[in-house]
Amino acid sequence: MRRKPVMSAWPMVALLAACGPKPHPIPVVEATISQVQDAIREGRTTCRMVVQAYLDRIATYDDSTVNAITVVNPVALSRADSIDAVVRAGGELGALFCVPMLVKDNFDTHDMITSGGSIALKNSIPPDDAFMVRRIREAGAIIIAKTNMAEWAFSPRQTVSSSFDTTRNAYDLDRVPAGSSGGTASGVAASFGLIGLGSDTGNSIRGPSSHLALVGIRSTLGLTSRAGIIPLSFDRDVGGPMGRTVEDVAKVFNVVAGYDPEDPYTVEGRGHKEADYTAFLDTAGLRGARIGVLRALVDVPDADTAVVRLFDAAVSDLRRLGAEVVDTFSFDVSKELDRPNMFCSRFRYDMGQYLATLGPGAPIHDVAEVLETGQYAPYVEGRLRSQARRPLDVPPSEWDPPCPDYFENEGRQAYLHDLEAAMDSAGVDALIYPTWLNPPAHIDQAQEEYKGDNSQLVAPATGMPAITVPMGFTYGHLPAGLQILARPFAEGLLFKYAYAYEQGTHRRRPPDGYPELAGL
């Protein structure tokens, strides 16, 4: 019997779109990657309509509220038009096609300003893209805007730059979004973009994500490239996604992780990247898991009781969802942090290496130059002057005394070894603790109320991966995050546990004050 010819999937989509209703704008508040892409594939909307919706939200809400956005991409709509043309033609689409993304102002973008939060670089347009930026563009994502950051990424407390001023917390404009990726955090939380990129030297993906009810991951050192990201400390810096759902973050992580010859650390990560991190997303993923409570980062004298209560509820939820929670895991974090060379102050050297990549047209060639010009915010002056005393052209490993890189740093490697041994002894797969033990500080008391930042204490020194996921709200509207830490290159496990917890609790809700715009 003759078989009827089978129409291929993409022509069928095109036929249905032609016969179906006219495309129209769709709601974008809290939209996910799958929802947006499915609507485009099915002809219910277009990429241009999606991008325009986010641009309209930025124009309507940002300047009058959070000040998350630094510059908008002037070719975002033309990029959307090119994707719509591929859709109409039934062409091949990338994994992130028409995903409108916000990118922190320290990621090089060849078509937009990259200031690193400094007025000294406010007109700097790099000659090429950062590795992660190139990867997301190749996958079809559209960078619709860059986001504000703490100047030179110096502050974990707040997001204040001399280039683009102060970013506020989208959940409470009188509160900080933490630092330094606060612009990405507030922008994604308020649905100015579908998802974003931030960077994390000690805190700056996970802290702002916690303060804005987002999911944010700091990967294992060596699994992701930092090439083209303005550095703070190259032996600790990590870039990565910040989003509203675990699934969206995993989809972007699939694209941005991987080996890059321009970043020597990624040699250590070769062979460790999973084929697809979304394959780990399982609503039953906590069944049989053994998870330890790192009490050293919970039982702290000035911890806010409301945050601790949320954490206790999260522990109960993990048990309800099938995990065995080991609440007797003891480990002396402070003792490990007392080891020599746990942190090397190498910013001037690392910035010199970055500025050289800008070529002869770089606005400055040594970050110490800004001290002569006065192009800095007062709060960073002390640190800049301290850095000016460091060598510019001598690698930290050759200093006297030397400042060894992560893989040669005996203290940091001993910390990693000790913690892995303790996890092995307790038979646990991961550790948990509150991402931040206190609510977001008031914006006019950012220094005085800075306390409870747990993100600084384990992952950056050990190089281990950690993810934060929303665990609820204190005082009715102030977000708090649950942090999960795992062994090196166990990002798949982090996504598995975080997804099961997220789907079993649904703690996130959007901030008030940023509703869908009229006309939908």
Protein backbone atom coordinates (compact mmCIF):
# COMPACT_ATOMS: atom_id res chain seq x y z
CA MET A 1 0.00 0.00 0.00
CA ARG A 2 1.34 3.39 -0.93
CA ARG A 3 2.00 5.69 1.96
CA LYS A 4 0.88 9.30 1.81
CA PRO A 5 3.76 11.78 1.71
CA VAL A 6 4.56 13.22 5.12
CA MET A 7 4.88 16.98 5.36
CA SER A 8 8.00 18.06 7.28
CA ALA A 9 7.49 19.84 10.58
CA TRP A 10 8.54 23.36 9.59
CA PRO A 11 6.40 23.66 6.42
CA MET A 12 3.50 22.38 8.51
CA VAL A 13 4.14 25.14 11.07
CA ALA A 14 4.24 27.71 8.27
CA LEU A 15 0.97 26.36 6.81
CA LEU A 16 -0.78 26.46 10.17
CA ALA A 17 0.47 29.99 10.77
CA ALA A 18 -0.86 31.09 7.39
CA CYS A 19 -4.28 29.53 8.06
CA GLY A 20 -4.48 30.50 11.71
CA PRO A 21 -5.24 33.76 13.49
CA LYS A 22 -3.12 36.83 12.87
CA PRO A 23 -0.07 37.05 15.19
CA HIS A 24 -0.51 39.35 18.15
CA PRO A 25 1.50 40.44 21.20
CA ILE A 26 1.58 37.95 24.05
CA PRO A 27 1.97 38.52 27.80
CA VAL A 28 5.64 38.64 28.77
CA VAL A 29 5.52 39.13 32.55
CA GLU A 30 7.06 35.93 33.99
CA ALA A 31 7.16 34.38 30.51
CA THR A 32 9.53 31.44 30.02
CA ILE A 33 11.77 30.55 27.10
CA SER A 34 9.51 27.65 26.11
CA GLN A 35 6.37 29.80 26.21
CA VAL A 36 7.86 32.50 24.02
CA GLN A 37 9.41 30.11 21.51
CA ASP A 38 6.27 27.95 21.27
CA ALA A 39 4.14 31.03 20.58
CA ILE A 40 6.48 32.09 17.77
CA ARG A 41 6.66 28.60 16.24
CA GLU A 42 2.87 28.30 16.30
CA GLY A 43 2.37 31.68 14.64
CA ARG A 44 0.57 33.19 17.62
CA THR A 45 3.14 35.98 17.83
CA THR A 46 6.33 37.16 16.18
CA CYS A 47 9.83 37.73 17.48
CA ARG A 48 9.46 41.43 16.73
CA MET A 49 6.34 41.61 18.90
CA VAL A 50 8.12 39.84 21.75
CA VAL A 51 11.17 42.09 21.63
CA GLN A 52 8.99 45.19 21.29
CA ALA A 53 7.06 44.18 24.40
CA TYR A 54 10.24 44.06 26.49
CA LEU A 55 11.52 47.34 25.01
CA ASP A 56 8.19 48.95 25.87
CA ARG A 57 8.46 47.71 29.44
CA ILE A 58 11.95 49.16 29.77
CA ALA A 59 10.77 52.51 28.39
CA THR A 60 7.71 52.56 30.66
CA TYR A 61 9.10 51.35 33.97
CA ASP A 62 12.89 51.47 34.24
CA ASP A 63 13.81 55.15 34.54
CA SER A 64 11.02 55.86 37.00
CA THR A 65 11.73 52.88 39.25
CA VAL A 66 14.73 50.57 39.45
CA ASN A 67 17.27 52.04 36.99
CA ALA A 68 18.41 48.59 35.95
CA ILE A 69 19.18 49.38 32.31
CA THR A 70 22.27 51.21 31.04
CA VAL A 71 21.87 51.12 27.24
CA VAL A 72 19.30 49.56 24.92
CA ASN A 73 20.44 47.68 21.84
CA PRO A 74 19.53 49.86 18.84
CA VAL A 75 19.42 46.86 16.48
CA ALA A 76 17.33 44.56 18.67
CA LEU A 77 14.25 44.91 16.47
CA SER A 78 16.14 44.34 13.24
CA ARG A 79 17.63 41.20 14.78
CA ALA A 80 14.10 40.11 15.67
CA ASP A 81 13.01 40.70 12.07
CA SER A 82 15.79 38.44 10.82
CA ILE A 83 14.63 35.66 13.14
CA ASP A 84 11.04 36.09 11.96
CA ALA A 85 12.28 35.68 8.39
CA VAL A 86 13.93 32.37 9.31
CA VAL A 87 10.71 31.22 11.00
CA ARG A 88 8.64 32.06 7.90
CA ALA A 89 11.11 30.23 5.67
CA GLY A 90 11.11 27.14 7.89
CA GLY A 91 14.83 27.51 8.54
CA GLU A 92 16.90 26.16 11.39
CA LEU A 93 16.56 28.03 14.67
CA GLY A 94 19.06 28.13 17.51
CA ALA A 95 18.40 26.85 21.02
CA LEU A 96 17.88 30.40 22.30
CA PHE A 97 16.12 31.87 19.26
CA CYS A 98 14.32 35.09 20.11
CA VAL A 99 15.23 35.01 23.79
CA PRO A 100 15.45 38.70 24.80
CA MET A 101 18.37 38.89 27.21
CA LEU A 102 19.79 41.45 29.62
CA VAL A 103 23.58 41.44 29.92
CA LYS A 104 25.63 42.94 32.73
CA ASP A 105 27.72 45.97 31.82
CA ASN A 106 31.00 44.11 32.29
CA PHE A 107 30.42 41.68 29.38
CA ASP A 108 32.03 42.89 26.15
CA THR A 109 29.53 43.64 23.40
CA HIS A 110 30.89 44.83 20.06
CA ASP A 111 27.79 46.93 19.39
CA MET A 112 27.10 48.48 22.80
CA ILE A 113 28.96 50.29 25.56
CA THR A 114 30.76 48.15 28.13
CA SER A 115 31.68 50.42 31.04
CA GLY A 116 32.20 48.03 33.96
CA GLY A 117 30.31 50.58 36.05
CA SER A 118 33.03 53.20 35.56
CA ILE A 119 32.58 56.60 33.98
CA ALA A 120 36.14 56.20 32.66
CA LEU A 121 34.81 53.53 30.25
CA LYS A 122 31.38 55.03 29.64
CA ASN A 123 32.09 55.43 25.92
CA SER A 124 34.06 52.21 25.49
CA ILE A 125 32.76 49.88 22.78
CA PRO A 126 34.91 46.73 22.67
CA PRO A 127 36.12 45.37 19.31
CA ASP A 128 34.41 42.01 19.82
CA ASP A 129 32.04 40.06 22.05
CA ALA A 130 32.78 38.21 25.25
CA PHE A 131 32.79 34.43 24.82
CA MET A 132 29.40 34.02 26.52
CA VAL A 133 27.89 36.90 24.54
CA ARG A 134 29.07 35.34 21.29
CA ARG A 135 27.64 31.98 22.30
CA ILE A 136 24.18 33.30 23.16
CA ARG A 137 24.04 35.33 19.94
CA GLU A 138 25.03 32.28 17.91
CA ALA A 139 22.18 30.40 19.60
CA GLY A 140 19.70 33.06 18.47
CA ALA A 141 19.31 35.13 21.62
CA ILE A 142 18.81 38.89 21.29
CA ILE A 143 20.61 41.17 23.70
CA ILE A 144 18.04 43.90 24.16
CA ALA A 145 19.93 45.89 26.82
CA LYS A 146 22.93 46.09 29.11
CA THR A 147 22.43 46.36 32.86
CA ASN A 148 23.90 48.48 35.63
CA MET A 149 26.46 47.13 38.08
CA ALA A 150 28.54 48.12 41.06
CA GLU A 151 31.52 50.17 39.93
CA TRP A 152 34.32 47.79 38.89
CA ALA A 153 32.19 45.10 40.62
CA PHE A 154 33.74 46.25 43.90
CA SER A 155 30.59 46.06 46.03
CA PRO A 156 28.57 42.99 47.01
CA ARG A 157 26.33 45.30 49.04
CA GLN A 158 24.79 47.55 46.43
CA THR A 159 24.70 48.32 42.72
CA VAL A 160 26.01 51.88 42.30
CA SER A 161 28.16 52.96 39.35
CA SER A 162 29.75 56.25 38.34
CA SER A 163 28.65 55.52 34.78
CA PHE A 164 24.93 54.87 35.31
CA ASP A 165 24.12 55.66 38.97
CA THR A 166 22.07 53.55 41.41
CA THR A 167 19.93 50.45 40.85
CA ARG A 168 17.11 49.67 43.27
CA ASN A 169 15.42 46.46 44.29
CA ALA A 170 12.34 45.81 42.15
CA TYR A 171 10.49 44.38 45.15
CA ASP A 172 11.10 47.44 47.31
CA LEU A 173 12.59 50.60 45.85
CA ASP A 174 13.93 51.57 49.27
CA ARG A 175 16.11 48.42 49.34
CA VAL A 176 19.29 47.33 47.57
CA PRO A 177 19.40 44.57 44.95
CA ALA A 178 22.78 43.57 46.42
CA GLY A 179 25.82 43.87 44.15
CA SER A 180 27.32 43.81 41.73
CA SER A 181 24.87 42.22 39.25
CA GLY A 182 21.92 44.11 40.71
CA GLY A 183 20.92 45.60 37.36
CA THR A 184 20.48 42.18 35.78
CA ALA A 185 18.65 40.94 38.88
CA SER A 186 16.13 43.78 39.13
CA GLY A 187 15.67 43.88 35.35
CA VAL A 188 14.92 40.17 35.04
CA ALA A 189 12.70 40.20 38.15
CA ALA A 190 10.59 43.00 36.67
CA SER A 191 10.44 41.24 33.25
CA PHE A 192 12.50 43.83 31.36
CA GLY A 193 14.09 40.80 29.70
CA LEU A 194 13.37 37.10 29.67
CA ILE A 195 16.65 36.14 31.36
CA GLY A 196 20.07 37.70 31.90
CA LEU A 197 23.80 37.27 32.40
CA GLY A 198 25.70 38.30 35.51
CA SER A 199 29.12 37.67 36.98
CA ASP A 200 30.12 36.35 40.38
CA THR A 201 33.50 36.85 42.04
CA GLY A 202 32.28 36.29 45.57
CA ASN A 203 28.54 36.85 45.55
CA SER A 204 27.36 38.78 42.55
CA ILE A 205 25.19 36.23 40.75
CA ARG A 206 23.80 34.45 43.79
CA GLY A 207 23.37 37.43 46.13
CA PRO A 208 21.34 39.60 43.74
CA SER A 209 19.38 36.53 42.60
CA SER A 210 18.47 35.84 46.22
CA HIS A 211 17.40 39.46 46.79
CA LEU A 212 15.21 39.38 43.64
CA ALA A 213 13.62 35.89 43.89
CA LEU A 214 15.64 34.54 40.96
CA VAL A 215 17.59 31.41 40.13
CA GLY A 216 21.30 32.06 39.67
CA ILE A 217 24.20 29.67 39.25
CA ARG A 218 27.91 30.04 39.90
CA SER A 219 29.63 27.24 37.99
CA THR A 220 32.73 25.27 38.86
CA LEU A 221 35.87 27.29 38.14
CA GLY A 222 37.00 26.06 34.74
CA LEU A 223 33.65 24.98 33.32
CA THR A 224 32.79 28.42 31.88
CA SER A 225 34.89 31.06 30.15
CA ARG A 226 35.49 34.56 31.50
CA ALA A 227 37.10 35.85 28.30
CA GLY A 228 35.75 39.30 27.47
CA ILE A 229 34.31 39.92 30.95
CA ILE A 230 35.84 42.91 32.74
CA PRO A 231 37.63 41.19 35.64
CA LEU A 232 37.60 41.79 39.35
CA SER A 233 39.80 38.85 40.31
CA PHE A 234 40.47 36.40 37.49
CA ASP A 235 41.22 33.53 39.86
CA ARG A 236 37.65 33.79 41.24
CA ASP A 237 35.50 35.38 38.53
CA VAL A 238 32.64 33.38 37.03
CA GLY A 239 29.94 34.47 34.58
CA GLY A 240 26.54 32.87 34.21
CA PRO A 241 22.77 33.10 33.83
CA MET A 242 20.23 34.64 36.21
CA GLY A 243 16.59 33.80 35.50
CA ARG A 244 13.12 33.34 36.87
CA THR A 245 13.03 29.55 36.48
CA VAL A 246 15.50 26.71 36.85
CA GLU A 247 14.63 25.43 33.39
CA ASP A 248 15.44 28.74 31.71
CA VAL A 249 18.75 29.00 33.56
CA ALA A 250 19.65 25.44 32.52
CA LYS A 251 18.85 26.24 28.88
CA VAL A 252 21.17 29.24 28.86
CA PHE A 253 23.83 27.35 30.81
CA ASN A 254 23.83 24.72 28.06
CA VAL A 255 24.94 27.43 25.65
CA VAL A 256 27.44 29.43 27.72
CA ALA A 257 29.37 26.58 29.37
CA GLY A 258 32.32 24.99 27.64
CA TYR A 259 35.96 25.17 26.64
CA ASP A 260 37.44 28.42 25.36
CA PRO A 261 41.11 28.66 24.33
CA GLU A 262 41.07 32.31 25.43
CA ASP A 263 40.48 31.30 29.05
CA PRO A 264 43.22 28.97 30.36
CA TYR A 265 41.08 27.83 33.30
CA THR A 266 38.70 26.05 30.93
CA VAL A 267 41.38 23.50 30.10
CA GLU A 268 40.52 21.94 33.47
CA GLY A 269 36.86 21.80 32.52
CA ARG A 270 37.29 19.94 29.25
CA GLY A 271 35.28 16.73 29.26
CA HIS A 272 33.18 17.82 32.25
CA LYS A 273 30.37 19.65 30.47
CA GLU A 274 27.14 17.67 30.30
CA ALA A 275 25.50 17.24 26.91
CA ASP A 276 22.23 18.76 28.13
CA TYR A 277 21.62 20.15 31.60
CA THR A 278 17.86 20.18 31.04
CA ALA A 279 18.03 16.37 31.03
CA PHE A 280 18.54 16.60 34.80
CA LEU A 281 15.26 18.46 35.37
CA ASP A 282 13.05 16.00 37.22
CA THR A 283 10.19 16.87 39.56
CA ALA A 284 11.08 13.75 41.55
CA GLY A 285 14.76 14.64 41.57
CA LEU A 286 15.03 14.95 45.35
CA ARG A 287 13.93 11.39 46.06
CA GLY A 288 16.83 9.55 47.61
CA ALA A 289 19.07 12.61 47.74
CA ARG A 290 21.27 13.05 50.82
CA ILE A 291 21.73 16.73 51.58
CA GLY A 292 23.66 18.24 54.46
CA VAL A 293 22.77 21.44 56.30
CA LEU A 294 25.90 23.56 56.61
CA ARG A 295 25.04 24.86 60.08
CA ALA A 296 28.11 27.11 60.16
CA LEU A 297 26.21 29.31 57.68
CA VAL A 298 22.86 29.11 59.45
CA ASP A 299 23.43 29.38 63.19
CA VAL A 300 24.91 32.87 63.11
CA PRO A 301 24.21 35.37 65.92
CA ASP A 302 22.95 38.25 63.74
CA ALA A 303 20.93 36.11 61.32
CA ASP A 304 17.43 37.45 60.78
CA THR A 305 14.92 35.12 62.40
CA ALA A 306 12.47 35.53 59.51
CA VAL A 307 15.08 34.22 57.05
CA VAL A 308 15.97 31.33 59.35
CA ARG A 309 12.30 30.38 59.57
CA LEU A 310 12.09 30.30 55.78
CA PHE A 311 15.18 28.10 55.69
CA ASP A 312 13.70 25.72 58.26
CA ALA A 313 10.58 25.51 56.10
CA ALA A 314 12.78 24.78 53.08
CA VAL A 315 14.43 21.91 54.97
CA SER A 316 10.97 20.51 55.71
CA ASP A 317 10.02 20.87 52.06
CA LEU A 318 13.14 19.01 50.95
CA ARG A 319 12.24 16.15 53.26
CA ARG A 320 8.65 16.17 52.02
CA LEU A 321 9.96 15.96 48.46
CA GLY A 322 11.98 12.84 49.24
CA ALA A 323 15.40 14.06 50.35
CA GLU A 324 17.21 12.74 53.39
CA VAL A 325 18.45 15.87 55.12
CA VAL A 326 21.53 15.39 57.27
CA ASP A 327 21.23 18.15 59.83
CA THR A 328 24.33 17.22 61.79
CA PHE A 329 26.85 18.22 59.13
CA SER A 330 29.55 20.19 60.94
CA PHE A 331 32.40 21.93 59.19
CA ASP A 332 34.60 24.80 60.37
CA VAL A 333 34.34 27.31 57.52
CA SER A 334 36.12 30.09 59.39
CA LYS A 335 39.15 27.88 60.03
CA GLU A 336 39.46 27.14 56.30
CA LEU A 337 39.20 30.82 55.43
CA ASP A 338 42.12 31.58 57.73
CA ARG A 339 44.52 29.73 55.44
CA PRO A 340 47.20 31.81 53.65
CA ASN A 341 46.49 33.25 50.20
CA MET A 342 42.76 32.60 50.35
CA PHE A 343 42.22 35.88 48.51
CA CYS A 344 44.73 37.76 46.38
CA SER A 345 44.10 41.40 45.52
CA ARG A 346 45.05 41.34 41.84
CA PHE A 347 42.55 43.72 40.25
CA ARG A 348 45.08 46.17 38.74
CA TYR A 349 46.98 43.39 36.97
CA ASP A 350 43.84 41.66 35.71
CA MET A 351 42.38 44.96 34.47
CA GLY A 352 45.61 45.69 32.65
CA GLN A 353 45.25 42.39 30.81
CA TYR A 354 41.64 43.22 29.91
CA LEU A 355 42.38 46.78 28.77
CA ALA A 356 45.03 45.44 26.41
CA THR A 357 42.30 43.49 24.58
CA LEU A 358 40.59 46.78 23.69
CA GLY A 359 43.54 47.73 21.50
CA PRO A 360 45.28 51.09 21.14
CA GLY A 361 41.98 52.95 21.23
CA ALA A 362 41.23 51.90 24.80
CA PRO A 363 40.04 54.87 26.90
CA ILE A 364 42.62 53.96 29.57
CA HIS A 365 45.49 51.48 29.72
CA ASP A 366 45.84 51.19 33.50
CA VAL A 367 42.97 51.38 35.97
CA ALA A 368 45.18 53.52 38.22
CA GLU A 369 44.81 56.32 35.65
CA VAL A 370 41.30 57.07 36.90
CA LEU A 371 42.76 58.32 40.18
CA GLU A 372 44.41 61.15 38.25
CA THR A 373 41.26 62.04 36.31
CA GLY A 374 38.81 61.77 39.20
CA GLN A 375 36.55 59.51 37.15
CA TYR A 376 35.24 57.37 39.97
CA ALA A 377 32.58 57.28 42.67
CA PRO A 378 33.80 58.21 46.17
CA TYR A 379 33.05 54.78 47.59
CA VAL A 380 35.65 53.07 45.38
CA GLU A 381 38.52 55.50 45.94
CA GLY A 382 40.14 53.64 48.81
CA ARG A 383 40.23 50.38 46.95
CA LEU A 384 41.56 52.01 43.79
CA ARG A 385 44.39 53.63 45.73
CA SER A 386 45.21 50.31 47.35
CA GLN A 387 45.34 48.66 43.93
CA ALA A 388 47.57 51.38 42.52
CA ARG A 389 50.32 50.07 44.78
CA ARG A 390 50.13 46.63 43.13
CA PRO A 391 52.28 45.71 40.10
CA LEU A 392 50.70 46.33 36.70
CA ASP A 393 52.86 44.12 34.49
CA VAL A 394 54.03 41.35 36.83
CA PRO A 395 51.80 38.23 37.03
CA PRO A 396 50.53 37.64 40.58
CA SER A 397 52.25 34.24 40.70
CA GLU A 398 55.58 36.09 40.39
CA TRP A 399 54.96 38.63 43.14
CA ASP A 400 57.01 38.64 46.32
CA PRO A 401 55.37 36.98 48.14
CA PRO A 402 53.60 35.18 45.28
CA CYS A 403 49.85 35.16 44.77
CA PRO A 404 49.26 31.72 43.22
CA ASP A 405 46.46 31.01 40.78
CA TYR A 406 43.54 28.86 41.91
CA PHE A 407 44.84 25.53 40.66
CA GLU A 408 48.26 26.13 42.27
CA ASN A 409 46.90 27.74 45.43
CA GLU A 410 47.65 25.29 48.25
CA GLY A 411 45.27 26.93 50.71
CA ARG A 412 42.29 26.94 48.39
CA GLN A 413 42.94 23.41 47.20
CA ALA A 414 43.22 22.25 50.83
CA TYR A 415 39.87 23.92 51.61
CA LEU A 416 38.29 22.08 48.68
CA HIS A 417 39.87 18.78 49.73
CA ASP A 418 38.72 19.15 53.34
CA LEU A 419 35.16 19.99 52.42
CA GLU A 420 34.87 17.15 49.91
CA ALA A 421 36.29 14.77 52.52
CA ALA A 422 33.72 15.96 55.06
CA MET A 423 30.93 15.45 52.51
CA ASP A 424 32.25 11.97 51.73
CA SER A 425 32.38 11.12 55.43
CA ALA A 426 28.79 12.26 55.93
CA GLY A 427 27.65 10.58 52.73
CA VAL A 428 26.00 13.72 51.38
CA ASP A 429 25.63 14.76 47.75
CA ALA A 430 25.18 18.48 48.37
CA LEU A 431 25.05 21.13 51.09
CA ILE A 432 22.41 23.77 51.75
CA TYR A 433 22.25 27.11 53.57
CA PRO A 434 20.48 30.46 53.14
CA THR A 435 22.03 32.47 50.33
CA TRP A 436 21.69 35.57 52.48
CA LEU A 437 20.86 35.45 56.19
CA ASN A 438 19.27 38.88 56.26
CA PRO A 439 16.73 40.79 54.17
CA PRO A 440 17.94 43.28 51.56
CA ALA A 441 19.43 46.36 53.22
CA HIS A 442 17.84 49.78 53.00
CA ILE A 443 19.38 51.65 50.13
CA ASP A 444 20.51 54.54 52.33
CA GLN A 445 22.02 52.11 54.85
CA ALA A 446 23.72 49.73 52.43
CA GLN A 447 27.01 49.76 54.33
CA GLU A 448 25.60 49.66 57.85
CA GLU A 449 23.06 46.90 57.17
CA TYR A 450 25.40 44.67 55.16
CA LYS A 451 25.42 41.31 56.90
CA GLY A 452 24.48 37.71 56.26
CA ASP A 453 26.13 37.36 52.83
CA ASN A 454 26.84 33.61 52.79
CA SER A 455 27.84 33.45 49.13
CA GLN A 456 31.34 34.76 49.84
CA LEU A 457 32.34 31.94 52.18
CA VAL A 458 32.56 28.61 50.34
CA ALA A 459 32.14 28.47 46.56
CA PRO A 460 34.54 31.28 45.51
CA ALA A 461 37.45 29.96 47.58
CA THR A 462 36.93 26.27 46.82
CA GLY A 463 35.91 26.69 43.18
CA MET A 464 32.83 24.54 43.80
CA PRO A 465 29.52 25.19 42.00
CA ALA A 466 26.48 26.62 43.79
CA ILE A 467 22.96 27.58 42.78
CA THR A 468 20.38 29.75 44.52
CA VAL A 469 16.64 29.25 44.14
CA PRO A 470 13.78 31.27 45.69
CA MET A 471 12.64 29.97 49.08
CA GLY A 472 10.04 32.62 49.90
CA PHE A 473 9.62 36.13 51.26
CA THR A 474 10.29 37.78 54.58
CA TYR A 475 8.15 40.61 55.93
CA GLY A 476 5.61 39.98 53.18
CA HIS A 477 7.61 41.07 50.15
CA LEU A 478 11.40 40.75 50.60
CA PRO A 479 12.84 37.73 48.75
CA ALA A 480 15.21 35.15 50.22
CA GLY A 481 17.11 32.34 48.51
CA LEU A 482 18.10 28.76 49.26
CA GLN A 483 21.67 27.97 48.19
CA ILE A 484 22.73 24.47 47.16
CA LEU A 485 26.45 23.65 46.86
CA ALA A 486 27.90 20.52 45.23
CA ARG A 487 31.20 18.93 44.30
CA PRO A 488 33.15 20.28 41.31
CA PHE A 489 31.43 19.75 37.95
CA ALA A 490 28.21 18.51 39.58
CA GLU A 491 26.10 21.25 37.98
CA GLY A 492 23.69 18.63 36.68
CA LEU A 493 22.96 17.59 40.25
CA LEU A 494 22.42 21.23 41.26
CA PHE A 495 19.89 21.71 38.48
CA LYS A 496 18.18 18.46 39.44
CA TYR A 497 17.76 19.38 43.10
CA ALA A 498 16.90 23.03 42.47
CA TYR A 499 14.26 22.11 39.89
CA ALA A 500 12.58 19.53 42.12
CA TYR A 501 12.51 22.04 44.98
CA GLU A 502 11.22 24.84 42.75
CA GLN A 503 8.47 22.69 41.25
CA GLY A 504 7.51 21.30 44.64
CA THR A 505 7.19 24.71 46.30
CA HIS A 506 6.68 27.48 43.69
CA ARG A 507 8.04 30.19 45.98
CA ARG A 508 8.63 32.84 43.33
CA ARG A 509 6.15 35.59 42.53
CA PRO A 510 6.75 38.76 40.49
CA PRO A 511 7.24 42.15 42.16
CA ASP A 512 4.30 44.52 42.36
CA GLY A 513 4.32 47.64 40.23
CA TYR A 514 5.28 46.17 36.84
CA PRO A 515 2.06 44.82 35.33
CA GLU A 516 1.54 43.88 31.70
CA LEU A 517 1.21 46.97 29.55
CA ALA A 518 -2.17 47.86 28.09
CA GLY A 519 -3.20 46.31 24.80
CA LEU A 520 -2.67 42.63 25.58
